[in-house]
Amino acid sequence: ALCQAPHRVAIRAGRLINGKSDKPLENVLIVIEGDKIASVV
């Protein structure tokens, strides 16, 4: 059970408000592995 890869989900977001940028990011792909955000591109 520990050796299994975590479940992966990709979210295609039209806009992303990340709390750091002044403007929302457009057309973003968020990849989630298990319960952690793996990447935001």
All heavy atoms as atom14 arrays in JSON, in Angstrom:
{
  "sequence": "ALCQAPHRVAIRAGRLINGKSDKPLENVLIVIEGDKIASVV",
  "atom14_mask": [
    [1, 1, 1, 1, 1, 0, 0, 0, 0, 0, 0, 0, 0, 0],
    [1, 1, 1, 1, 1, 1, 1, 1, 0, 0, 0, 0, 0, 0],
    [1, 1, 1, 1, 1, 1, 0, 0, 0, 0, 0, 0, 0, 0],
    [1, 1, 1, 1, 1, 1, 1, 1, 1, 0, 0, 0, 0, 0],
    [1, 1, 1, 1, 1, 0, 0, 0, 0, 0, 0, 0, 0, 0],
    [1, 1, 1, 1, 1, 1, 1, 0, 0, 0, 0, 0, 0, 0],
    [1, 1, 1, 1, 1, 1, 1, 1, 1, 1, 0, 0, 0, 0],
    [1, 1, 1, 1, 1, 1, 1, 1, 1, 1, 1, 0, 0, 0],
    [1, 1, 1, 1, 1, 1, 1, 0, 0, 0, 0, 0, 0, 0],
    [1, 1, 1, 1, 1, 0, 0, 0, 0, 0, 0, 0, 0, 0],
    [1, 1, 1, 1, 1, 1, 1, 1, 0, 0, 0, 0, 0, 0],
    [1, 1, 1, 1, 1, 1, 1, 1, 1, 1, 1, 0, 0, 0],
    [1, 1, 1, 1, 1, 0, 0, 0, 0, 0, 0, 0, 0, 0],
    [1, 1, 1, 1, 0, 0, 0, 0, 0, 0, 0, 0, 0, 0],
    [1, 1, 1, 1, 1, 1, 1, 1, 1, 1, 1, 0, 0, 0],
    [1, 1, 1, 1, 1, 1, 1, 1, 0, 0, 0, 0, 0, 0],
    [1, 1, 1, 1, 1, 1, 1, 1, 0, 0, 0, 0, 0, 0],
    [1, 1, 1, 1, 1, 1, 1, 1, 0, 0, 0, 0, 0, 0],
    [1, 1, 1, 1, 0, 0, 0, 0, 0, 0, 0, 0, 0, 0],
    [1, 1, 1, 1, 1, 1, 1, 1, 1, 0, 0, 0, 0, 0],
    [1, 1, 1, 1, 1, 1, 0, 0, 0, 0, 0, 0, 0, 0],
    [1, 1, 1, 1, 1, 1, 1, 1, 0, 0, 0, 0, 0, 0],
    [1, 1, 1, 1, 1, 1, 1, 1, 1, 0, 0, 0, 0, 0],
    [1, 1, 1, 1, 1, 1, 1, 0, 0, 0, 0, 0, 0, 0],
    [1, 1, 1, 1, 1, 1, 1, 1, 0, 0, 0, 0, 0, 0],
    [1, 1, 1, 1, 1, 1, 1, 1, 1, 0, 0, 0, 0, 0],
    [1, 1, 1, 1, 1, 1, 1, 1, 0, 0, 0, 0, 0, 0],
    [1, 1, 1, 1, 1, 1, 1, 0, 0, 0, 0, 0, 0, 0],
    [1, 1, 1, 1, 1, 1, 1, 1, 0, 0, 0, 0, 0, 0],
    [1, 1, 1, 1, 1, 1, 1, 1, 0, 0, 0, 0, 0, 0],
    [1, 1, 1, 1, 1, 1, 1, 0, 0, 0, 0, 0, 0, 0],
    [1, 1, 1, 1, 1, 1, 1, 1, 0, 0, 0, 0, 0, 0],
    [1, 1, 1, 1, 1, 1, 1, 1, 1, 0, 0, 0, 0, 0],
    [1, 1, 1, 1, 0, 0, 0, 0, 0, 0, 0, 0, 0, 0],
    [1, 1, 1, 1, 1, 1, 1, 1, 0, 0, 0, 0, 0, 0],
    [1, 1, 1, 1, 1, 1, 1, 1, 1, 0, 0, 0, 0, 0],
    [1, 1, 1, 1, 1, 1, 1, 1, 0, 0, 0, 0, 0, 0],
    [1, 1, 1, 1, 1, 0, 0, 0, 0, 0, 0, 0, 0, 0],
    [1, 1, 1, 1, 1, 1, 0, 0, 0, 0, 0, 0, 0, 0],
    [1, 1, 1, 1, 1, 1, 1, 0, 0, 0, 0, 0, 0, 0],
    [1, 1, 1, 1, 1, 1, 1, 0, 0, 0, 0, 0, 0, 0]
  ],
  "atom14_positions": [
    [[0.83, -1.21, 0.0], [0.0, 0.0, 0.0], [0.86, 1.25, 0.0], [0.52, 2.25, -0.64], [-0.93, -0.01, 1.21], [0.0, 0.0, 0.0], [0.0, 0.0, 0.0], [0.0, 0.0, 0.0], [0.0, 0.0, 0.0], [0.0, 0.0, 0.0], [0.0, 0.0, 0.0], [0.0, 0.0, 0.0], [0.0, 0.0, 0.0], [0.0, 0.0, 0.0]],
    [[1.97, 1.24, 0.71], [2.85, 2.4, 0.75], [3.58, 2.62, -0.57], [3.96, 3.73, -0.9], [3.86, 2.26, 1.88], [3.31, 2.37, 3.29], [4.4, 2.07, 4.32], [2.72, 3.74, 3.54], [0.0, 0.0, 0.0], [0.0, 0.0, 0.0], [0.0, 0.0, 0.0], [0.0, 0.0, 0.0], [0.0, 0.0, 0.0], [0.0, 0.0, 0.0]],
    [[3.8, 1.56, -1.32], [4.55, 1.64, -2.58], [3.7, 2.15, -3.73], [4.24, 2.49, -4.77], [5.13, 0.28, -2.94], [6.37, -0.29, -1.77], [0.0, 0.0, 0.0], [0.0, 0.0, 0.0], [0.0, 0.0, 0.0], [0.0, 0.0, 0.0], [0.0, 0.0, 0.0], [0.0, 0.0, 0.0], [0.0, 0.0, 0.0], [0.0, 0.0, 0.0]],
    [[2.39, 2.21, -3.59], [1.53, 2.68, -4.68], [1.73, 4.17, -4.9], [1.91, 4.95, -3.97], [0.07, 2.41, -4.36], [-0.29, 0.96, -4.36], [-1.75, 0.76, -4.03], [-2.46, 1.7, -3.71], [-2.19, -0.48, -4.1], [0.0, 0.0, 0.0], [0.0, 0.0, 0.0], [0.0, 0.0, 0.0], [0.0, 0.0, 0.0], [0.0, 0.0, 0.0]],
    [[1.68, 4.57, -6.17], [1.8, 5.99, -6.51], [0.53, 6.72, -6.07], [-0.57, 6.17, -6.15], [1.99, 6.14, -8.01], [0.0, 0.0, 0.0], [0.0, 0.0, 0.0], [0.0, 0.0, 0.0], [0.0, 0.0, 0.0], [0.0, 0.0, 0.0], [0.0, 0.0, 0.0], [0.0, 0.0, 0.0], [0.0, 0.0, 0.0], [0.0, 0.0, 0.0]],
    [[0.66, 7.97, -5.6], [-0.52, 8.72, -5.18], [-1.41, 9.04, -6.38], [-0.94, 9.13, -7.52], [0.06, 9.99, -4.57], [1.42, 10.12, -5.13], [1.89, 8.73, -5.41], [0.0, 0.0, 0.0], [0.0, 0.0, 0.0], [0.0, 0.0, 0.0], [0.0, 0.0, 0.0], [0.0, 0.0, 0.0], [0.0, 0.0, 0.0], [0.0, 0.0, 0.0]],
    [[-2.68, 9.19, -6.14], [-3.65, 9.54, -7.18], [-3.31, 10.93, -7.73], [-3.05, 11.86, -6.98], [-5.06, 9.53, -6.6], [-6.11, 9.82, -7.6], [-6.41, 8.97, -8.63], [-6.93, 10.89, -7.74], [-7.38, 9.49, -9.36], [-7.71, 10.66, -8.84], [0.0, 0.0, 0.0], [0.0, 0.0, 0.0], [0.0, 0.0, 0.0], [0.0, 0.0, 0.0]],
    [[-3.31, 11.07, -9.05], [-2.97, 12.33, -9.69], [-4.18, 12.91, -10.4], [-4.9, 12.19, -11.09], [-1.83, 12.14, -10.68], [-0.54, 11.74, -9.98], [0.55, 11.43, -10.95], [0.85, 12.59, -11.77], [1.69, 12.57, -12.78], [2.32, 11.48, -13.11], [1.92, 13.66, -13.48], [0.0, 0.0, 0.0], [0.0, 0.0, 0.0], [0.0, 0.0, 0.0]],
    [[-4.38, 14.21, -10.24], [-5.48, 14.93, -10.87], [-4.92, 16.21, -11.46], [-4.07, 16.86, -10.85], [-6.58, 15.27, -9.83], [-7.67, 16.1, -10.46], [-7.14, 14.02, -9.2], [0.0, 0.0, 0.0], [0.0, 0.0, 0.0], [0.0, 0.0, 0.0], [0.0, 0.0, 0.0], [0.0, 0.0, 0.0], [0.0, 0.0, 0.0], [0.0, 0.0, 0.0]],
    [[-5.39, 16.57, -12.64], [-5.02, 17.84, -13.26], [-6.26, 18.71, -13.34], [-7.34, 18.24, -13.73], [-4.43, 17.62, -14.64], [0.0, 0.0, 0.0], [0.0, 0.0, 0.0], [0.0, 0.0, 0.0], [0.0, 0.0, 0.0], [0.0, 0.0, 0.0], [0.0, 0.0, 0.0], [0.0, 0.0, 0.0], [0.0, 0.0, 0.0], [0.0, 0.0, 0.0]],
    [[-6.12, 19.97, -12.96], [-7.22, 20.93, -13.03], [-6.85, 21.98, -14.06], [-5.82, 22.65, -13.94], [-7.48, 21.59, -11.66], [-7.87, 20.54, -10.64], [-8.56, 22.66, -11.8], [-7.99, 21.08, -9.23], [0.0, 0.0, 0.0], [0.0, 0.0, 0.0], [0.0, 0.0, 0.0], [0.0, 0.0, 0.0], [0.0, 0.0, 0.0], [0.0, 0.0, 0.0]],
    [[-7.68, 22.13, -15.09], [-7.5, 23.17, -16.09], [-8.34, 24.36, -15.63], [-9.56, 24.29, -15.6], [-7.97, 22.69, -17.47], [-8.07, 23.74, -18.52], [-6.77, 24.19, -19.08], [-6.06, 23.08, -19.68], [-4.74, 23.12, -19.86], [-4.05, 24.17, -19.51], [-4.13, 22.1, -20.39], [0.0, 0.0, 0.0], [0.0, 0.0, 0.0], [0.0, 0.0, 0.0]],
    [[-7.68, 25.43, -15.19], [-8.37, 26.61, -14.66], [-8.3, 27.75, -15.67], [-7.24, 28.01, -16.23], [-7.74, 27.05, -13.35], [0.0, 0.0, 0.0], [0.0, 0.0, 0.0], [0.0, 0.0, 0.0], [0.0, 0.0, 0.0], [0.0, 0.0, 0.0], [0.0, 0.0, 0.0], [0.0, 0.0, 0.0], [0.0, 0.0, 0.0], [0.0, 0.0, 0.0]],
    [[-9.42, 28.42, -15.88], [-9.44, 29.58, -16.76], [-8.64, 30.72, -16.17], [-7.89, 31.4, -16.86], [0.0, 0.0, 0.0], [0.0, 0.0, 0.0], [0.0, 0.0, 0.0], [0.0, 0.0, 0.0], [0.0, 0.0, 0.0], [0.0, 0.0, 0.0], [0.0, 0.0, 0.0], [0.0, 0.0, 0.0], [0.0, 0.0, 0.0], [0.0, 0.0, 0.0]],
    [[-8.79, 30.91, -14.87], [-8.04, 31.93, -14.13], [-7.67, 31.36, -12.77], [-8.42, 30.61, -12.18], [-8.89, 33.19, -13.94], [-9.1, 33.99, -15.2], [-10.22, 35.0, -15.08], [-11.5, 34.41, -14.69], [-12.29, 33.71, -15.49], [-11.93, 33.49, -16.73], [-13.42, 33.22, -15.07], [0.0, 0.0, 0.0], [0.0, 0.0, 0.0], [0.0, 0.0, 0.0]],
    [[-6.51, 31.74, -12.28], [-6.04, 31.3, -10.96], [-5.64, 32.52, -10.15], [-4.78, 33.29, -10.58], [-4.86, 30.35, -11.09], [-4.15, 29.99, -9.77], [-5.06, 29.14, -8.89], [-2.85, 29.27, -10.03], [0.0, 0.0, 0.0], [0.0, 0.0, 0.0], [0.0, 0.0, 0.0], [0.0, 0.0, 0.0], [0.0, 0.0, 0.0], [0.0, 0.0, 0.0]],
    [[-6.26, 32.7, -9.01], [-5.85, 33.74, -8.06], [-4.96, 33.04, -7.05], [-5.44, 32.23, -6.25], [-7.06, 34.4, -7.39], [-7.92, 35.09, -8.44], [-6.61, 35.37, -6.31], [-9.22, 35.64, -7.91], [0.0, 0.0, 0.0], [0.0, 0.0, 0.0], [0.0, 0.0, 0.0], [0.0, 0.0, 0.0], [0.0, 0.0, 0.0], [0.0, 0.0, 0.0]],
    [[-3.66, 33.34, -7.09], [-2.73, 32.62, -6.21], [-2.39, 33.39, -4.94], [-1.67, 32.89, -4.09], [-1.46, 32.23, -6.97], [-0.67, 33.43, -7.44], [-1.01, 34.57, -7.15], [0.38, 33.17, -8.2], [0.0, 0.0, 0.0], [0.0, 0.0, 0.0], [0.0, 0.0, 0.0], [0.0, 0.0, 0.0], [0.0, 0.0, 0.0], [0.0, 0.0, 0.0]],
    [[-2.84, 34.62, -4.82], [-2.56, 35.4, -3.62], [-1.22, 36.1, -3.64], [-0.9, 36.85, -2.73], [0.0, 0.0, 0.0], [0.0, 0.0, 0.0], [0.0, 0.0, 0.0], [0.0, 0.0, 0.0], [0.0, 0.0, 0.0], [0.0, 0.0, 0.0], [0.0, 0.0, 0.0], [0.0, 0.0, 0.0], [0.0, 0.0, 0.0], [0.0, 0.0, 0.0]],
    [[-0.42, 35.89, -4.68], [0.9, 36.52, -4.77], [0.96, 37.54, -5.91], [1.59, 38.57, -5.79], [1.98, 35.47, -4.99], [2.14, 34.54, -3.81], [3.23, 33.52, -4.07], [3.38, 32.59, -2.87], [4.44, 31.61, -3.08], [0.0, 0.0, 0.0], [0.0, 0.0, 0.0], [0.0, 0.0, 0.0], [0.0, 0.0, 0.0], [0.0, 0.0, 0.0]],
    [[0.29, 37.24, -7.0], [0.3, 38.13, -8.16], [-0.79, 39.19, -8.02], [-1.79, 38.97, -7.34], [0.05, 37.33, -9.45], [1.0, 36.32, -9.59], [0.0, 0.0, 0.0], [0.0, 0.0, 0.0], [0.0, 0.0, 0.0], [0.0, 0.0, 0.0], [0.0, 0.0, 0.0], [0.0, 0.0, 0.0], [0.0, 0.0, 0.0], [0.0, 0.0, 0.0]],
    [[-0.58, 40.33, -8.69], [-1.59, 41.39, -8.67], [-2.81, 41.02, -9.52], [-3.92, 41.43, -9.22], [-0.99, 42.71, -9.17], [0.03, 43.28, -8.19], [-0.04, 42.92, -7.0], [0.87, 44.09, -8.62], [0.0, 0.0, 0.0], [0.0, 0.0, 0.0], [0.0, 0.0, 0.0], [0.0, 0.0, 0.0], [0.0, 0.0, 0.0], [0.0, 0.0, 0.0]],
    [[-2.57, 40.26, -10.59], [-3.64, 39.86, -11.49], [-3.77, 38.35, -11.5], [-2.79, 37.63, -11.28], [-3.33, 40.35, -12.91], [-3.32, 41.84, -13.04], [-3.05, 42.25, -14.48], [-3.05, 43.76, -14.61], [-2.83, 44.17, -16.0], [0.0, 0.0, 0.0], [0.0, 0.0, 0.0], [0.0, 0.0, 0.0], [0.0, 0.0, 0.0], [0.0, 0.0, 0.0]],
    [[-4.97, 37.84, -11.78], [-5.12, 36.38, -11.9], [-4.29, 35.84, -13.07], [-4.13, 36.5, -14.09], [-6.61, 36.2, -12.18], [-7.26, 37.48, -11.78], [-6.23, 38.55, -11.93], [0.0, 0.0, 0.0], [0.0, 0.0, 0.0], [0.0, 0.0, 0.0], [0.0, 0.0, 0.0], [0.0, 0.0, 0.0], [0.0, 0.0, 0.0], [0.0, 0.0, 0.0]],
    [[-3.77, 34.64, -12.9], [-3.06, 33.96, -13.97], [-4.1, 33.34, -14.91], [-5.09, 32.79, -14.45], [-2.14, 32.88, -13.4], [-1.1, 33.36, -12.37], [-0.37, 32.17, -11.78], [-0.13, 34.33, -13.01], [0.0, 0.0, 0.0], [0.0, 0.0, 0.0], [0.0, 0.0, 0.0], [0.0, 0.0, 0.0], [0.0, 0.0, 0.0], [0.0, 0.0, 0.0]],
    [[-3.86, 33.4, -16.2], [-4.81, 32.91, -17.19], [-4.41, 31.53, -17.71], [-3.22, 31.26, -17.86], [-4.89, 33.88, -18.37], [-5.31, 35.29, -18.0], [-6.78, 35.42, -17.69], [-7.57, 34.64, -18.25], [-7.13, 36.28, -16.87], [0.0, 0.0, 0.0], [0.0, 0.0, 0.0], [0.0, 0.0, 0.0], [0.0, 0.0, 0.0], [0.0, 0.0, 0.0]],
    [[-5.41, 30.69, -18.0], [-5.21, 29.37, -18.62], [-4.1, 28.58, -17.91], [-3.02, 28.38, -18.43], [-4.9, 29.52, -20.11], [-4.92, 28.2, -20.82], [-5.58, 27.26, -20.38], [-4.19, 28.1, -21.9], [0.0, 0.0, 0.0], [0.0, 0.0, 0.0], [0.0, 0.0, 0.0], [0.0, 0.0, 0.0], [0.0, 0.0, 0.0], [0.0, 0.0, 0.0]],
    [[-4.4, 28.12, -16.71], [-3.41, 27.45, -15.86], [-3.75, 25.97, -15.7], [-4.91, 25.6, -15.6], [-3.37, 28.13, -14.47], [-2.43, 27.43, -13.53], [-2.98, 29.58, -14.61], [0.0, 0.0, 0.0], [0.0, 0.0, 0.0], [0.0, 0.0, 0.0], [0.0, 0.0, 0.0], [0.0, 0.0, 0.0], [0.0, 0.0, 0.0], [0.0, 0.0, 0.0]],
    [[-2.72, 25.14, -15.7], [-2.88, 23.71, -15.42], [-2.28, 23.43, -14.05], [-1.09, 23.68, -13.82], [-2.18, 22.86, -16.48], [-2.33, 21.36, -16.28], [-3.75, 20.92, -16.62], [-1.34, 20.6, -17.12], [0.0, 0.0, 0.0], [0.0, 0.0, 0.0], [0.0, 0.0, 0.0], [0.0, 0.0, 0.0], [0.0, 0.0, 0.0], [0.0, 0.0, 0.0]],
    [[-3.1, 22.91, -13.14], [-2.66, 22.59, -11.78], [-2.65, 21.07, -11.67], [-3.67, 20.41, -11.89], [-3.63, 23.18, -10.74], [-3.8, 24.68, -10.95], [-3.16, 22.87, -9.32], [-5.01, 25.26, -10.25], [0.0, 0.0, 0.0], [0.0, 0.0, 0.0], [0.0, 0.0, 0.0], [0.0, 0.0, 0.0], [0.0, 0.0, 0.0], [0.0, 0.0, 0.0]],
    [[-1.5, 20.5, -11.33], [-1.39, 19.05, -11.16], [-1.3, 18.75, -9.67], [-0.46, 19.3, -8.96], [-0.16, 18.48, -11.91], [-0.03, 16.99, -11.66], [-0.26, 18.78, -13.4], [0.0, 0.0, 0.0], [0.0, 0.0, 0.0], [0.0, 0.0, 0.0], [0.0, 0.0, 0.0], [0.0, 0.0, 0.0], [0.0, 0.0, 0.0], [0.0, 0.0, 0.0]],
    [[-2.17, 17.86, -9.2], [-2.24, 17.49, -7.78], [-1.89, 16.02, -7.65], [-2.48, 15.18, -8.34], [-3.64, 17.77, -7.22], [-3.98, 19.25, -7.39], [-3.74, 17.34, -5.77], [-5.41, 19.58, -7.11], [0.0, 0.0, 0.0], [0.0, 0.0, 0.0], [0.0, 0.0, 0.0], [0.0, 0.0, 0.0], [0.0, 0.0, 0.0], [0.0, 0.0, 0.0]],
    [[-0.95, 15.7, -6.8], [-0.56, 14.32, -6.51], [-0.91, 14.03, -5.06], [-0.35, 14.63, -4.15], [0.92, 14.11, -6.76], [1.31, 14.23, -8.21], [2.79, 13.99, -8.44], [3.53, 13.72, -7.47], [3.21, 14.1, -9.6], [0.0, 0.0, 0.0], [0.0, 0.0, 0.0], [0.0, 0.0, 0.0], [0.0, 0.0, 0.0], [0.0, 0.0, 0.0]],
    [[-1.82, 13.1, -4.86], [-2.27, 12.8, -3.5], [-3.03, 13.99, -2.94], [-4.05, 14.39, -3.47], [0.0, 0.0, 0.0], [0.0, 0.0, 0.0], [0.0, 0.0, 0.0], [0.0, 0.0, 0.0], [0.0, 0.0, 0.0], [0.0, 0.0, 0.0], [0.0, 0.0, 0.0], [0.0, 0.0, 0.0], [0.0, 0.0, 0.0], [0.0, 0.0, 0.0]],
    [[-2.49, 14.6, -1.89], [-3.13, 15.78, -1.3], [-2.24, 17.02, -1.4], [-2.44, 17.98, -0.68], [-3.52, 15.51, 0.15], [-2.33, 15.18, 1.03], [-1.22, 15.01, 0.48], [-2.49, 15.1, 2.25], [0.0, 0.0, 0.0], [0.0, 0.0, 0.0], [0.0, 0.0, 0.0], [0.0, 0.0, 0.0], [0.0, 0.0, 0.0], [0.0, 0.0, 0.0]],
    [[-1.27, 17.0, -2.32], [-0.35, 18.12, -2.48], [-0.35, 18.61, -3.92], [-0.48, 17.84, -4.86], [1.06, 17.7, -2.1], [1.17, 17.14, -0.7], [2.37, 17.7, -0.02], [2.56, 17.05, 1.34], [1.91, 17.66, 2.39], [0.0, 0.0, 0.0], [0.0, 0.0, 0.0], [0.0, 0.0, 0.0], [0.0, 0.0, 0.0], [0.0, 0.0, 0.0]],
    [[-0.19, 19.93, -4.09], [-0.06, 20.51, -5.42], [1.35, 20.24, -5.92], [2.32, 20.65, -5.3], [-0.35, 22.02, -5.39], [-1.79, 22.27, -4.96], [-0.07, 22.65, -6.75], [-2.14, 23.72, -4.76], [0.0, 0.0, 0.0], [0.0, 0.0, 0.0], [0.0, 0.0, 0.0], [0.0, 0.0, 0.0], [0.0, 0.0, 0.0], [0.0, 0.0, 0.0]],
    [[1.45, 19.52, -7.04], [2.76, 19.15, -7.59], [3.31, 20.24, -8.51], [4.5, 20.52, -8.49], [2.66, 17.84, -8.35], [0.0, 0.0, 0.0], [0.0, 0.0, 0.0], [0.0, 0.0, 0.0], [0.0, 0.0, 0.0], [0.0, 0.0, 0.0], [0.0, 0.0, 0.0], [0.0, 0.0, 0.0], [0.0, 0.0, 0.0], [0.0, 0.0, 0.0]],
    [[2.42, 20.85, -9.31], [2.89, 21.9, -10.21], [1.75, 22.8, -10.63], [0.59, 22.38, -10.65], [3.56, 21.3, -11.45], [2.61, 20.6, -12.22], [0.0, 0.0, 0.0], [0.0, 0.0, 0.0], [0.0, 0.0, 0.0], [0.0, 0.0, 0.0], [0.0, 0.0, 0.0], [0.0, 0.0, 0.0], [0.0, 0.0, 0.0], [0.0, 0.0, 0.0]],
    [[2.11, 24.03, -10.97], [1.18, 25.01, -11.54], [1.89, 25.58, -12.76], [2.94, 26.2, -12.64], [0.84, 26.13, -10.53], [-0.06, 27.17, -11.16], [0.21, 25.54, -9.27], [0.0, 0.0, 0.0], [0.0, 0.0, 0.0], [0.0, 0.0, 0.0], [0.0, 0.0, 0.0], [0.0, 0.0, 0.0], [0.0, 0.0, 0.0], [0.0, 0.0, 0.0]],
    [[1.3, 25.35, -13.94], [1.95, 25.74, -15.19], [0.95, 26.52, -16.03], [-0.2, 26.11, -16.18], [2.41, 24.49, -15.97], [3.1, 24.87, -17.26], [3.31, 23.62, -15.12], [0.0, 0.0, 0.0], [0.0, 0.0, 0.0], [0.0, 0.0, 0.0], [0.0, 0.0, 0.0], [0.0, 0.0, 0.0], [0.0, 0.0, 0.0], [0.0, 0.0, 0.0]]
  ]
}
